[in-house]
Each structure stands twice: as structure tokens, then as C-alpha cells.
N, C-alpha and C. Protein backbone atom coordinates (compact mmCIF):
# COMPACT_ATOMS: atom_id res chain seq x y z
N MET A 1 -9.86 26.43 -20.59
CA MET A 1 -9.23 25.14 -20.25
C MET A 1 -10.14 24.38 -19.29
N PRO A 2 -10.49 23.11 -19.59
CA PRO A 2 -11.40 22.36 -18.71
C PRO A 2 -10.77 22.11 -17.36
N SER A 3 -11.60 22.07 -16.32
CA SER A 3 -11.08 21.83 -14.98
C SER A 3 -10.70 20.37 -14.84
N LEU A 4 -9.70 20.12 -14.00
CA LEU A 4 -9.22 18.77 -13.78
C LEU A 4 -10.14 18.04 -12.82
N ALA A 5 -10.30 16.74 -13.04
CA ALA A 5 -11.10 15.93 -12.13
C ALA A 5 -10.40 15.83 -10.80
N PRO A 6 -11.15 15.81 -9.69
CA PRO A 6 -10.51 15.70 -8.37
C PRO A 6 -9.84 14.36 -8.20
N PRO A 7 -8.81 14.28 -7.32
CA PRO A 7 -8.14 13.00 -7.07
C PRO A 7 -9.13 11.95 -6.58
N LYS A 8 -8.93 10.72 -7.00
CA LYS A 8 -9.83 9.64 -6.62
C LYS A 8 -9.14 8.65 -5.69
N PRO A 9 -9.79 8.31 -4.57
CA PRO A 9 -9.23 7.24 -3.75
C PRO A 9 -9.33 5.93 -4.52
N LEU A 10 -8.51 4.97 -4.13
CA LEU A 10 -8.45 3.72 -4.88
C LEU A 10 -9.01 2.54 -4.10
N THR A 11 -10.11 2.79 -3.37
CA THR A 11 -10.83 1.69 -2.75
C THR A 11 -11.85 1.18 -3.74
N ARG A 12 -12.57 0.12 -3.35
CA ARG A 12 -13.58 -0.43 -4.24
C ARG A 12 -14.97 0.14 -3.96
N ALA A 13 -15.06 1.28 -3.31
CA ALA A 13 -16.37 1.86 -3.00
C ALA A 13 -17.12 2.26 -4.25
N ASP A 14 -16.41 2.62 -5.33
CA ASP A 14 -17.05 3.07 -6.55
C ASP A 14 -17.43 1.92 -7.48
N LEU A 15 -17.13 0.69 -7.09
CA LEU A 15 -17.48 -0.47 -7.89
C LEU A 15 -18.60 -1.21 -7.19
N PRO A 16 -19.28 -2.13 -7.90
CA PRO A 16 -20.31 -2.92 -7.22
C PRO A 16 -19.74 -3.61 -5.99
N PRO A 17 -20.39 -3.50 -4.83
CA PRO A 17 -19.85 -4.08 -3.60
C PRO A 17 -19.72 -5.59 -3.71
N VAL A 18 -18.66 -6.12 -3.08
CA VAL A 18 -18.45 -7.56 -3.08
C VAL A 18 -19.51 -8.22 -2.20
N GLU A 19 -19.77 -7.63 -1.06
CA GLU A 19 -20.79 -8.13 -0.14
C GLU A 19 -21.38 -6.96 0.62
N ARG A 20 -22.69 -6.86 0.66
CA ARG A 20 -23.42 -5.91 1.49
C ARG A 20 -22.65 -4.65 1.89
N GLY A 21 -22.35 -3.81 0.94
CA GLY A 21 -21.77 -2.51 1.26
C GLY A 21 -20.32 -2.52 1.70
N GLU A 22 -19.56 -3.57 1.36
CA GLU A 22 -18.16 -3.60 1.72
C GLU A 22 -17.37 -2.51 1.00
N ARG A 23 -16.32 -2.03 1.66
CA ARG A 23 -15.31 -1.16 1.03
C ARG A 23 -13.99 -1.88 1.22
N ALA A 24 -13.25 -2.09 0.15
CA ALA A 24 -12.03 -2.90 0.25
C ALA A 24 -10.82 -2.18 -0.29
N GLY A 25 -9.68 -2.43 0.34
CA GLY A 25 -8.40 -1.91 -0.12
C GLY A 25 -7.33 -2.93 0.18
N THR A 26 -6.10 -2.47 0.28
CA THR A 26 -4.96 -3.35 0.54
C THR A 26 -4.18 -2.79 1.72
N GLY A 27 -3.50 -3.66 2.45
CA GLY A 27 -2.60 -3.23 3.53
C GLY A 27 -1.39 -4.13 3.51
N PHE A 28 -0.39 -3.81 4.33
CA PHE A 28 0.78 -4.69 4.41
C PHE A 28 1.36 -4.66 5.82
N PHE A 29 1.89 -5.81 6.23
CA PHE A 29 2.42 -5.97 7.58
C PHE A 29 3.76 -5.24 7.72
N VAL A 30 3.93 -4.54 8.85
CA VAL A 30 5.13 -3.72 9.05
C VAL A 30 6.00 -4.19 10.22
N ASP A 31 5.55 -5.22 10.93
CA ASP A 31 6.38 -5.82 11.98
C ASP A 31 5.88 -7.23 12.24
N ASP A 32 6.46 -7.88 13.22
CA ASP A 32 6.05 -9.26 13.55
C ASP A 32 5.01 -9.32 14.66
N MET A 33 4.42 -8.16 14.99
CA MET A 33 3.44 -8.08 16.07
C MET A 33 2.00 -7.94 15.55
N GLY A 34 1.81 -8.09 14.24
CA GLY A 34 0.47 -8.01 13.68
C GLY A 34 0.06 -6.63 13.21
N HIS A 35 0.98 -5.65 13.24
CA HIS A 35 0.63 -4.31 12.77
C HIS A 35 0.61 -4.25 11.25
N LEU A 36 -0.40 -3.57 10.74
CA LEU A 36 -0.65 -3.49 9.30
C LEU A 36 -0.83 -2.02 8.93
N LEU A 37 -0.18 -1.59 7.86
CA LEU A 37 -0.32 -0.22 7.36
C LEU A 37 -1.22 -0.21 6.15
N THR A 38 -2.14 0.75 6.09
CA THR A 38 -3.03 0.89 4.94
C THR A 38 -3.35 2.37 4.74
N ALA A 39 -4.21 2.67 3.78
CA ALA A 39 -4.63 4.05 3.56
C ALA A 39 -5.75 4.41 4.53
N ARG A 40 -5.72 5.63 5.04
CA ARG A 40 -6.72 6.06 6.03
C ARG A 40 -8.13 5.96 5.47
N HIS A 41 -8.34 6.35 4.20
CA HIS A 41 -9.70 6.38 3.67
C HIS A 41 -10.30 4.98 3.49
N VAL A 42 -9.46 3.95 3.50
CA VAL A 42 -9.97 2.58 3.40
C VAL A 42 -10.75 2.20 4.65
N VAL A 43 -10.30 2.65 5.82
CA VAL A 43 -10.88 2.19 7.08
C VAL A 43 -11.63 3.27 7.85
N GLN A 44 -11.70 4.48 7.30
CA GLN A 44 -12.36 5.58 8.01
C GLN A 44 -13.85 5.31 8.11
N GLY A 45 -14.39 5.42 9.32
CA GLY A 45 -15.82 5.26 9.53
C GLY A 45 -16.31 3.82 9.48
N CYS A 46 -15.40 2.85 9.60
CA CYS A 46 -15.80 1.44 9.54
C CYS A 46 -16.40 0.96 10.86
N GLY A 47 -17.45 0.17 10.79
CA GLY A 47 -17.98 -0.46 11.98
C GLY A 47 -17.13 -1.64 12.40
N ARG A 48 -16.53 -2.31 11.41
CA ARG A 48 -15.69 -3.47 11.66
C ARG A 48 -14.68 -3.58 10.52
N ILE A 49 -13.45 -3.96 10.86
CA ILE A 49 -12.40 -4.12 9.86
C ILE A 49 -11.94 -5.57 9.86
N VAL A 50 -11.92 -6.17 8.67
CA VAL A 50 -11.50 -7.56 8.54
C VAL A 50 -10.33 -7.63 7.56
N VAL A 51 -9.31 -8.38 7.93
CA VAL A 51 -8.13 -8.57 7.07
C VAL A 51 -8.14 -10.00 6.55
N HIS A 52 -8.02 -10.14 5.23
CA HIS A 52 -8.01 -11.44 4.58
C HIS A 52 -6.64 -11.71 3.97
N LYS A 53 -6.12 -12.88 4.23
CA LYS A 53 -4.84 -13.29 3.63
C LYS A 53 -4.76 -14.80 3.56
N GLU A 54 -4.41 -15.30 2.37
CA GLU A 54 -4.18 -16.73 2.16
C GLU A 54 -5.35 -17.59 2.66
N GLY A 55 -6.56 -17.14 2.37
CA GLY A 55 -7.74 -17.91 2.72
C GLY A 55 -8.17 -17.80 4.17
N ARG A 56 -7.50 -16.95 4.96
CA ARG A 56 -7.85 -16.77 6.37
C ARG A 56 -8.31 -15.33 6.61
N SER A 57 -9.16 -15.17 7.62
CA SER A 57 -9.68 -13.85 7.96
C SER A 57 -9.40 -13.54 9.42
N MET A 58 -9.10 -12.27 9.69
CA MET A 58 -8.83 -11.80 11.05
C MET A 58 -9.52 -10.47 11.26
N THR A 59 -10.07 -10.26 12.43
CA THR A 59 -10.60 -8.95 12.76
C THR A 59 -9.44 -8.04 13.15
N ALA A 60 -9.46 -6.81 12.64
CA ALA A 60 -8.39 -5.85 12.92
C ALA A 60 -8.92 -4.69 13.75
N ARG A 61 -8.04 -4.12 14.56
CA ARG A 61 -8.37 -2.95 15.38
C ARG A 61 -7.63 -1.73 14.83
N LEU A 62 -8.34 -0.62 14.71
CA LEU A 62 -7.72 0.63 14.26
C LEU A 62 -6.92 1.21 15.42
N VAL A 63 -5.61 1.38 15.22
CA VAL A 63 -4.72 1.87 16.27
C VAL A 63 -4.51 3.37 16.16
N ALA A 64 -4.27 3.87 14.94
CA ALA A 64 -3.97 5.29 14.76
C ALA A 64 -4.20 5.68 13.31
N VAL A 65 -4.48 6.98 13.11
CA VAL A 65 -4.55 7.53 11.76
C VAL A 65 -3.61 8.73 11.70
N SER A 66 -3.07 8.98 10.52
CA SER A 66 -2.17 10.10 10.32
C SER A 66 -2.95 11.37 10.02
N THR A 67 -2.47 12.49 10.56
CA THR A 67 -3.10 13.78 10.25
C THR A 67 -2.64 14.33 8.91
N PRO A 68 -1.33 14.39 8.62
CA PRO A 68 -0.93 14.96 7.34
C PRO A 68 -1.07 14.02 6.17
N TYR A 69 -1.07 12.71 6.42
CA TYR A 69 -1.05 11.76 5.32
C TYR A 69 -2.24 10.81 5.36
N ASP A 70 -2.53 10.21 4.22
CA ASP A 70 -3.62 9.25 4.08
C ASP A 70 -3.12 7.87 4.52
N LEU A 71 -2.89 7.73 5.84
CA LEU A 71 -2.36 6.50 6.39
C LEU A 71 -3.15 6.09 7.63
N ALA A 72 -3.24 4.79 7.84
CA ALA A 72 -3.86 4.26 9.05
C ALA A 72 -3.07 3.03 9.50
N LEU A 73 -2.99 2.85 10.81
CA LEU A 73 -2.30 1.70 11.39
C LEU A 73 -3.33 0.78 12.02
N LEU A 74 -3.28 -0.50 11.65
CA LEU A 74 -4.18 -1.50 12.19
C LEU A 74 -3.39 -2.51 13.02
N ARG A 75 -4.08 -3.21 13.90
CA ARG A 75 -3.46 -4.28 14.68
C ARG A 75 -4.30 -5.54 14.51
N THR A 76 -3.67 -6.62 14.09
CA THR A 76 -4.32 -7.91 13.96
C THR A 76 -3.70 -8.87 14.97
N PRO A 77 -4.32 -10.02 15.22
CA PRO A 77 -3.76 -10.96 16.22
C PRO A 77 -2.36 -11.44 15.89
N LYS A 78 -2.02 -11.56 14.60
CA LYS A 78 -0.68 -12.02 14.24
C LYS A 78 -0.33 -11.60 12.82
N THR A 79 0.95 -11.54 12.54
CA THR A 79 1.43 -11.25 11.20
C THR A 79 1.36 -12.53 10.38
N ARG A 80 0.70 -12.45 9.23
CA ARG A 80 0.66 -13.58 8.32
C ARG A 80 1.57 -13.27 7.14
N GLY A 81 2.43 -14.20 6.79
CA GLY A 81 3.44 -13.92 5.79
C GLY A 81 4.65 -13.31 6.47
N ILE A 82 5.23 -12.29 5.87
CA ILE A 82 6.39 -11.62 6.45
C ILE A 82 6.15 -10.13 6.54
N ALA A 83 6.97 -9.45 7.33
CA ALA A 83 6.85 -8.00 7.48
C ALA A 83 7.65 -7.29 6.40
N ALA A 84 7.19 -6.11 6.02
CA ALA A 84 7.87 -5.30 5.01
C ALA A 84 9.19 -4.75 5.54
N VAL A 85 10.05 -4.38 4.62
CA VAL A 85 11.30 -3.71 4.96
C VAL A 85 11.34 -2.39 4.21
N PHE A 86 11.62 -1.31 4.94
CA PHE A 86 11.71 0.02 4.34
C PHE A 86 13.17 0.37 4.05
N PRO A 87 13.43 1.24 3.08
CA PRO A 87 14.81 1.67 2.85
C PRO A 87 15.31 2.51 4.02
N ARG A 88 16.57 2.34 4.38
CA ARG A 88 17.15 3.11 5.47
C ARG A 88 17.51 4.53 5.01
N THR A 89 18.17 4.64 3.89
CA THR A 89 18.62 5.96 3.42
C THR A 89 18.31 6.19 1.94
N VAL A 90 18.42 5.17 1.13
CA VAL A 90 18.25 5.34 -0.32
C VAL A 90 16.77 5.43 -0.65
N THR A 91 16.41 6.38 -1.52
CA THR A 91 15.01 6.54 -1.91
C THR A 91 14.88 6.51 -3.42
N SER A 92 13.66 6.38 -3.90
CA SER A 92 13.41 6.30 -5.34
C SER A 92 13.62 7.64 -6.02
N SER A 93 13.96 7.59 -7.30
CA SER A 93 14.18 8.78 -8.11
C SER A 93 13.27 8.73 -9.33
N VAL A 94 13.10 9.89 -9.95
CA VAL A 94 12.27 9.97 -11.15
C VAL A 94 12.77 8.97 -12.19
N ASN A 95 11.83 8.27 -12.82
CA ASN A 95 12.05 7.26 -13.85
C ASN A 95 12.47 5.89 -13.31
N ASP A 96 12.66 5.76 -11.98
CA ASP A 96 12.90 4.43 -11.41
C ASP A 96 11.67 3.56 -11.65
N MET A 97 11.90 2.27 -11.89
CA MET A 97 10.79 1.34 -12.06
C MET A 97 10.38 0.79 -10.69
N VAL A 98 9.10 0.80 -10.42
CA VAL A 98 8.58 0.31 -9.15
C VAL A 98 7.41 -0.63 -9.42
N PHE A 99 6.92 -1.25 -8.35
CA PHE A 99 5.83 -2.22 -8.49
C PHE A 99 4.74 -1.92 -7.47
N ALA A 100 3.49 -1.96 -7.91
CA ALA A 100 2.36 -1.79 -6.99
C ALA A 100 1.17 -2.56 -7.55
N ALA A 101 0.45 -3.26 -6.67
CA ALA A 101 -0.73 -4.00 -7.08
C ALA A 101 -1.62 -4.23 -5.88
N ASP A 102 -2.94 -4.32 -6.12
CA ASP A 102 -3.84 -4.60 -5.01
C ASP A 102 -3.76 -6.09 -4.68
N TYR A 103 -4.08 -6.42 -3.43
CA TYR A 103 -3.92 -7.80 -2.97
C TYR A 103 -4.81 -8.77 -3.74
N ALA A 104 -5.98 -8.30 -4.20
CA ALA A 104 -6.91 -9.19 -4.89
C ALA A 104 -6.31 -9.75 -6.18
N THR A 105 -5.41 -9.02 -6.83
CA THR A 105 -4.84 -9.49 -8.09
C THR A 105 -3.48 -10.16 -7.91
N LEU A 106 -2.86 -10.00 -6.73
CA LEU A 106 -1.51 -10.53 -6.54
C LEU A 106 -1.42 -12.06 -6.68
N PRO A 107 -2.35 -12.83 -6.12
CA PRO A 107 -2.23 -14.29 -6.29
C PRO A 107 -2.18 -14.72 -7.75
N THR A 108 -2.96 -14.05 -8.61
CA THR A 108 -2.95 -14.36 -10.03
C THR A 108 -1.61 -14.02 -10.64
N MET A 109 -1.05 -12.86 -10.28
CA MET A 109 0.26 -12.46 -10.79
C MET A 109 1.33 -13.46 -10.39
N VAL A 110 1.27 -13.90 -9.13
CA VAL A 110 2.27 -14.84 -8.64
C VAL A 110 2.15 -16.17 -9.37
N THR A 111 0.92 -16.65 -9.57
CA THR A 111 0.69 -17.90 -10.27
C THR A 111 1.26 -17.85 -11.68
N ARG A 112 1.14 -16.69 -12.30
CA ARG A 112 1.61 -16.54 -13.68
C ARG A 112 3.07 -16.09 -13.76
N GLY A 113 3.74 -16.07 -12.63
CA GLY A 113 5.16 -15.73 -12.64
C GLY A 113 5.47 -14.31 -12.26
N GLY A 114 4.43 -13.53 -11.96
CA GLY A 114 4.67 -12.15 -11.54
C GLY A 114 5.07 -11.24 -12.68
N THR A 115 5.27 -9.98 -12.37
CA THR A 115 5.72 -9.02 -13.36
C THR A 115 6.93 -8.30 -12.79
N LEU A 116 7.87 -7.95 -13.65
CA LEU A 116 9.08 -7.29 -13.19
C LEU A 116 8.79 -5.90 -12.65
N ALA A 117 7.97 -5.15 -13.36
CA ALA A 117 7.64 -3.79 -12.94
C ALA A 117 6.38 -3.35 -13.67
N ASN A 118 5.59 -2.51 -13.04
CA ASN A 118 4.39 -2.03 -13.71
C ASN A 118 4.20 -0.54 -13.58
N ALA A 119 5.20 0.16 -13.10
CA ALA A 119 5.05 1.59 -12.88
C ALA A 119 6.42 2.27 -12.88
N SER A 120 6.40 3.58 -13.07
CA SER A 120 7.65 4.33 -12.97
C SER A 120 7.39 5.59 -12.15
N VAL A 121 8.43 6.06 -11.48
CA VAL A 121 8.32 7.24 -10.63
C VAL A 121 8.32 8.49 -11.51
N SER A 122 7.41 9.43 -11.21
CA SER A 122 7.36 10.70 -11.94
C SER A 122 7.50 11.86 -10.96
N LYS A 123 7.46 13.08 -11.46
CA LYS A 123 7.67 14.24 -10.62
C LYS A 123 6.41 14.61 -9.84
N THR A 124 6.62 15.12 -8.62
CA THR A 124 5.52 15.68 -7.84
C THR A 124 5.55 17.20 -7.99
N SER A 125 4.42 17.82 -7.64
CA SER A 125 4.30 19.26 -7.89
C SER A 125 4.32 20.11 -6.62
N GLY A 126 4.66 19.51 -5.47
CA GLY A 126 4.66 20.28 -4.23
C GLY A 126 3.25 20.45 -3.70
N GLY A 127 3.05 21.41 -2.81
CA GLY A 127 1.73 21.64 -2.23
C GLY A 127 1.26 20.41 -1.48
N ASP A 128 0.02 19.93 -1.79
CA ASP A 128 -0.49 18.77 -1.07
C ASP A 128 0.16 17.47 -1.54
N GLU A 129 1.07 17.57 -2.53
CA GLU A 129 1.82 16.39 -2.96
C GLU A 129 3.16 16.25 -2.24
N ALA A 130 3.48 17.22 -1.41
CA ALA A 130 4.73 17.13 -0.63
C ALA A 130 4.69 15.88 0.25
N GLY A 131 5.81 15.19 0.33
CA GLY A 131 5.89 13.98 1.13
C GLY A 131 5.40 12.74 0.40
N HIS A 132 5.01 12.91 -0.85
CA HIS A 132 4.52 11.80 -1.65
C HIS A 132 5.49 11.49 -2.79
N ILE A 133 5.33 10.31 -3.37
CA ILE A 133 5.94 10.03 -4.65
C ILE A 133 4.81 9.83 -5.65
N ALA A 134 5.01 10.29 -6.87
CA ALA A 134 4.03 10.10 -7.93
C ALA A 134 4.51 8.96 -8.81
N ILE A 135 3.60 8.08 -9.18
CA ILE A 135 3.98 7.00 -10.08
C ILE A 135 3.04 6.96 -11.28
N THR A 136 3.60 6.64 -12.41
CA THR A 136 2.82 6.41 -13.60
C THR A 136 2.41 4.95 -13.60
N SER A 137 1.13 4.69 -13.38
CA SER A 137 0.68 3.32 -13.17
C SER A 137 -0.79 3.19 -13.53
N THR A 138 -1.19 1.97 -13.88
CA THR A 138 -2.59 1.69 -14.18
C THR A 138 -3.29 1.00 -13.02
N VAL A 139 -2.69 1.00 -11.82
CA VAL A 139 -3.37 0.38 -10.68
C VAL A 139 -4.74 1.00 -10.51
N THR A 140 -5.70 0.20 -10.11
CA THR A 140 -7.07 0.69 -10.03
C THR A 140 -7.66 0.39 -8.66
N TYR A 141 -9.00 0.44 -8.58
CA TYR A 141 -9.68 0.33 -7.30
C TYR A 141 -9.31 -0.96 -6.57
N GLY A 142 -9.08 -0.82 -5.28
CA GLY A 142 -8.62 -1.94 -4.47
C GLY A 142 -7.15 -1.82 -4.11
N ALA A 143 -6.44 -0.86 -4.77
CA ALA A 143 -5.00 -0.70 -4.53
C ALA A 143 -4.69 0.27 -3.40
N SER A 144 -5.66 1.02 -2.92
CA SER A 144 -5.40 1.94 -1.82
C SER A 144 -4.76 1.21 -0.65
N GLY A 145 -3.62 1.74 -0.15
CA GLY A 145 -2.92 1.12 0.96
C GLY A 145 -1.88 0.11 0.55
N ALA A 146 -1.77 -0.16 -0.74
CA ALA A 146 -0.79 -1.15 -1.21
C ALA A 146 0.62 -0.60 -1.13
N PRO A 147 1.61 -1.46 -0.87
CA PRO A 147 2.99 -1.01 -0.85
C PRO A 147 3.52 -0.77 -2.26
N VAL A 148 4.36 0.24 -2.40
CA VAL A 148 5.09 0.47 -3.65
C VAL A 148 6.50 -0.06 -3.45
N LEU A 149 6.88 -1.07 -4.20
CA LEU A 149 8.17 -1.72 -4.02
C LEU A 149 9.16 -1.30 -5.10
N ASP A 150 10.40 -1.07 -4.69
CA ASP A 150 11.44 -0.75 -5.67
C ASP A 150 12.10 -2.05 -6.14
N SER A 151 13.17 -1.93 -6.93
CA SER A 151 13.81 -3.11 -7.52
C SER A 151 14.44 -4.02 -6.47
N ARG A 152 14.65 -3.50 -5.25
CA ARG A 152 15.24 -4.30 -4.17
C ARG A 152 14.17 -4.99 -3.31
N GLY A 153 12.89 -4.70 -3.60
CA GLY A 153 11.83 -5.24 -2.77
C GLY A 153 11.57 -4.44 -1.53
N LEU A 154 12.13 -3.23 -1.45
CA LEU A 154 11.93 -2.33 -0.32
C LEU A 154 10.71 -1.44 -0.55
N VAL A 155 10.03 -1.06 0.52
CA VAL A 155 8.82 -0.23 0.42
C VAL A 155 9.20 1.24 0.26
N GLU A 156 8.88 1.80 -0.89
CA GLU A 156 9.17 3.21 -1.17
C GLU A 156 7.95 4.09 -0.95
N GLY A 157 6.76 3.50 -0.80
CA GLY A 157 5.57 4.32 -0.62
C GLY A 157 4.35 3.47 -0.33
N VAL A 158 3.23 4.17 -0.04
CA VAL A 158 1.95 3.54 0.25
C VAL A 158 0.90 4.20 -0.64
N ILE A 159 0.25 3.43 -1.51
CA ILE A 159 -0.71 3.98 -2.48
C ILE A 159 -1.82 4.74 -1.76
N SER A 160 -2.08 5.97 -2.23
CA SER A 160 -3.10 6.81 -1.63
C SER A 160 -4.24 7.12 -2.59
N ARG A 161 -3.94 7.79 -3.70
CA ARG A 161 -5.03 8.21 -4.58
C ARG A 161 -4.55 8.40 -6.02
N LYS A 162 -5.51 8.41 -6.92
CA LYS A 162 -5.23 8.61 -8.33
C LYS A 162 -5.55 10.06 -8.69
N THR A 163 -4.65 10.74 -9.41
CA THR A 163 -4.90 12.13 -9.80
C THR A 163 -5.36 12.25 -11.24
N ASN A 164 -5.02 11.28 -12.06
CA ASN A 164 -5.63 11.15 -13.38
C ASN A 164 -5.52 9.69 -13.80
N VAL A 165 -5.89 9.38 -15.02
CA VAL A 165 -6.05 7.98 -15.42
C VAL A 165 -4.79 7.13 -15.20
N ASN A 166 -3.60 7.71 -15.36
CA ASN A 166 -2.38 6.93 -15.22
C ASN A 166 -1.42 7.48 -14.18
N ARG A 167 -1.88 8.40 -13.33
CA ARG A 167 -0.99 9.00 -12.34
C ARG A 167 -1.53 8.76 -10.94
N VAL A 168 -0.70 8.17 -10.10
CA VAL A 168 -1.10 7.79 -8.76
C VAL A 168 -0.13 8.38 -7.74
N LEU A 169 -0.66 8.88 -6.62
CA LEU A 169 0.18 9.38 -5.54
C LEU A 169 0.28 8.34 -4.43
N ALA A 170 1.48 8.22 -3.91
CA ALA A 170 1.73 7.32 -2.78
C ALA A 170 2.47 8.09 -1.70
N VAL A 171 2.08 7.90 -0.46
CA VAL A 171 2.81 8.51 0.66
C VAL A 171 4.22 7.93 0.67
N GLY A 172 5.23 8.80 0.70
CA GLY A 172 6.62 8.35 0.64
C GLY A 172 7.05 7.58 1.88
N ALA A 173 8.14 6.85 1.74
CA ALA A 173 8.65 6.01 2.83
C ALA A 173 8.96 6.82 4.08
N ALA A 174 9.50 8.03 3.90
CA ALA A 174 9.86 8.87 5.06
C ALA A 174 8.62 9.19 5.90
N GLY A 175 7.54 9.60 5.24
CA GLY A 175 6.30 9.92 5.95
C GLY A 175 5.69 8.70 6.61
N ALA A 176 5.75 7.57 5.93
CA ALA A 176 5.21 6.33 6.49
C ALA A 176 5.99 5.90 7.73
N LYS A 177 7.32 5.97 7.66
CA LYS A 177 8.14 5.58 8.80
C LYS A 177 7.93 6.53 9.98
N SER A 178 7.79 7.81 9.71
CA SER A 178 7.54 8.78 10.77
C SER A 178 6.21 8.51 11.47
N PHE A 179 5.19 8.19 10.70
CA PHE A 179 3.89 7.86 11.27
C PHE A 179 3.97 6.62 12.14
N LEU A 180 4.65 5.60 11.66
CA LEU A 180 4.79 4.37 12.45
C LEU A 180 5.55 4.64 13.74
N ALA A 181 6.61 5.44 13.66
CA ALA A 181 7.40 5.76 14.86
C ALA A 181 6.55 6.48 15.90
N SER A 182 5.62 7.34 15.44
CA SER A 182 4.76 8.08 16.37
C SER A 182 3.81 7.15 17.12
N SER A 183 3.61 5.95 16.59
CA SER A 183 2.77 4.95 17.24
C SER A 183 3.61 3.85 17.88
N ASN A 184 4.92 4.13 18.04
CA ASN A 184 5.86 3.19 18.67
C ASN A 184 5.98 1.87 17.92
N VAL A 185 5.84 1.94 16.61
CA VAL A 185 6.05 0.77 15.76
C VAL A 185 7.35 1.00 15.00
N ARG A 186 8.26 0.06 15.11
CA ARG A 186 9.57 0.19 14.48
C ARG A 186 9.70 -0.82 13.34
N PRO A 187 9.48 -0.41 12.12
CA PRO A 187 9.61 -1.34 11.00
C PRO A 187 11.08 -1.65 10.71
N GLN A 188 11.32 -2.72 10.02
CA GLN A 188 12.68 -3.06 9.61
C GLN A 188 13.14 -2.07 8.53
N GLU A 189 14.42 -1.69 8.60
CA GLU A 189 15.01 -0.80 7.61
C GLU A 189 16.31 -1.41 7.10
N ASP A 190 16.53 -1.29 5.80
CA ASP A 190 17.74 -1.83 5.20
C ASP A 190 17.85 -1.24 3.80
N ASP A 191 19.05 -1.15 3.28
CA ASP A 191 19.23 -0.72 1.90
C ASP A 191 19.66 -1.88 1.00
N ARG A 192 19.78 -3.06 1.59
CA ARG A 192 20.16 -4.23 0.80
C ARG A 192 18.93 -4.86 0.16
N PRO A 193 19.09 -5.51 -0.99
CA PRO A 193 17.96 -6.16 -1.66
C PRO A 193 17.31 -7.22 -0.76
N GLN A 194 15.98 -7.28 -0.83
CA GLN A 194 15.22 -8.26 -0.06
C GLN A 194 14.71 -9.38 -0.96
N LEU A 195 15.09 -9.35 -2.22
CA LEU A 195 14.67 -10.37 -3.18
C LEU A 195 15.83 -11.32 -3.42
N SER A 196 15.54 -12.60 -3.40
CA SER A 196 16.59 -13.58 -3.62
C SER A 196 16.41 -14.29 -4.96
N GLY A 197 17.50 -14.59 -5.60
CA GLY A 197 17.44 -15.34 -6.84
C GLY A 197 16.59 -14.64 -7.89
N ALA A 198 15.66 -15.40 -8.48
CA ALA A 198 14.81 -14.87 -9.54
C ALA A 198 13.45 -14.42 -8.99
N ALA A 199 13.34 -14.25 -7.68
CA ALA A 199 12.06 -13.85 -7.08
C ALA A 199 11.61 -12.50 -7.62
N SER A 200 10.32 -12.36 -7.87
CA SER A 200 9.78 -11.13 -8.43
C SER A 200 9.19 -10.24 -7.34
N ARG A 201 8.96 -9.00 -7.70
CA ARG A 201 8.34 -8.09 -6.75
C ARG A 201 6.88 -8.46 -6.48
N ALA A 202 6.24 -9.12 -7.43
CA ALA A 202 4.88 -9.60 -7.19
C ALA A 202 4.87 -10.61 -6.05
N HIS A 203 5.83 -11.53 -6.04
CA HIS A 203 5.94 -12.50 -4.94
C HIS A 203 6.20 -11.78 -3.62
N ARG A 204 7.09 -10.81 -3.65
CA ARG A 204 7.43 -10.07 -2.44
C ARG A 204 6.20 -9.31 -1.92
N ALA A 205 5.48 -8.64 -2.83
CA ALA A 205 4.29 -7.89 -2.44
C ALA A 205 3.23 -8.82 -1.85
N ALA A 206 3.05 -9.99 -2.46
CA ALA A 206 2.05 -10.93 -1.96
C ALA A 206 2.42 -11.44 -0.57
N SER A 207 3.71 -11.58 -0.29
CA SER A 207 4.14 -12.12 1.00
C SER A 207 3.93 -11.14 2.15
N ILE A 208 3.93 -9.83 1.85
CA ILE A 208 3.76 -8.84 2.93
C ILE A 208 2.35 -8.25 2.97
N SER A 209 1.57 -8.41 1.91
CA SER A 209 0.29 -7.72 1.78
C SER A 209 -0.91 -8.55 2.22
N ALA A 210 -2.04 -7.88 2.39
CA ALA A 210 -3.29 -8.53 2.73
C ALA A 210 -4.43 -7.66 2.21
N ARG A 211 -5.59 -8.24 2.12
CA ARG A 211 -6.78 -7.49 1.72
C ARG A 211 -7.45 -6.92 2.96
N VAL A 212 -7.80 -5.66 2.92
CA VAL A 212 -8.44 -4.99 4.05
C VAL A 212 -9.87 -4.65 3.66
N VAL A 213 -10.82 -5.11 4.44
CA VAL A 213 -12.24 -4.90 4.14
C VAL A 213 -12.91 -4.13 5.27
N CYS A 214 -13.60 -3.07 4.90
CA CYS A 214 -14.35 -2.23 5.84
C CYS A 214 -15.81 -2.63 5.78
N LEU A 215 -16.36 -3.00 6.93
CA LEU A 215 -17.78 -3.37 7.02
C LEU A 215 -18.50 -2.26 7.76
N ASN A 216 -19.52 -1.72 7.14
CA ASN A 216 -20.27 -0.61 7.73
C ASN A 216 -21.36 -1.09 8.67
């Protein structure tokens, strides 16, 4: 039986650099104080971190990294857009439809009306997958650190790595909230829908997300 390929991070390091050795991923705001959550491997070893959103750029400071999970907390001068909301008690289940996309493609999705869902929750296998949710999705490089949104627009996970062509692991909401609490960041929690009217999850993701660029 052939050996399985190792899990792949979903930054843009494996693609032609956008500018002079950049590494790019996605992050999302978790409070109104400028705190941004992303994947640890997106910002590890960076000489400088820049956050881009809606045509504006901000320098970010690395505040903390998680030991058990692929998570990092950044601080920017201000929150642009709105802060994410995490579920208080209800969590995703196998076969639930969820949404995840990197920030670079979100403006296009929003312009075209967004998409209702692009992924579904699948089973995890324990071991190093404990504390994660697995999703069947075609998200690709640049999605590391992106929020996984459920049908209510709540954050169920944070994209970490791809284990095969259509299977992606995301750090679950419980692990993400625990990490934020350890850094004295208190994100909003609610089990009520955060989407109004015909608003799509693409619009919601775009409103909380930003592009995170690592400059070496």
C-alpha cells in the first residue's frame, strides 16, 4: 500500500511569491481591539507581518502562538470590518454544510453573490486530529487561518492544513476559544444566527477576514 502524503499547510509558500518571498494566508478579527486569529505556520519566523483589508494595510504584532494547535494571535492598530462570533454551546456535526475561503478570493465571491456552502464536515480520526474538525473542501493555498463558518455565520473552526486533495483540518471552536482566553482575549459567543435576510456566508466571511502577509 503506498504511503500517504504528509499534511500540507495552506499558505502560498508553495506557489510563485506575490512579492519578494512573501508568504500569505488569511486571518479574522476576534474582538474590537484589533486582535486577529490566524494559523501559526502563516506567521512563524516572519520578520514583519502585514494585514491587508479593503485596500488598506496595517502592520501587525505577534502576540501569542498556541502550543497544541496551529494558531497564532496578532494585534493590529484597529479592527477593520466586524469581529467574529463563536458558538456558545452548539457545535458542528458530521455532514453539516460549512463555508471556508481565503481572503484573496472572497471579494470576487461577494461581487458574484457569494456561495451558500462549499464544504461539509467529515469524521476525524483522533490522535493529532483531536480538537479539530475535518471538512471536505477544495480550499487551496492562501486559506490557512481562514474561519470556517456554519449556516448561522458562527465560527466553527480555523483552517490549518490539508491532509489530502479534498480533506482539510481546522482547529475546532473550543480550542480556538481556549487559546484566546489564555491571552485574555474574550471573543463574542452566541448560538443565534449572525446572518440577516438573504446575506451569504461569503459576505460574512469577508466582513470578518483579512489577508495576512509574512515578510521575511
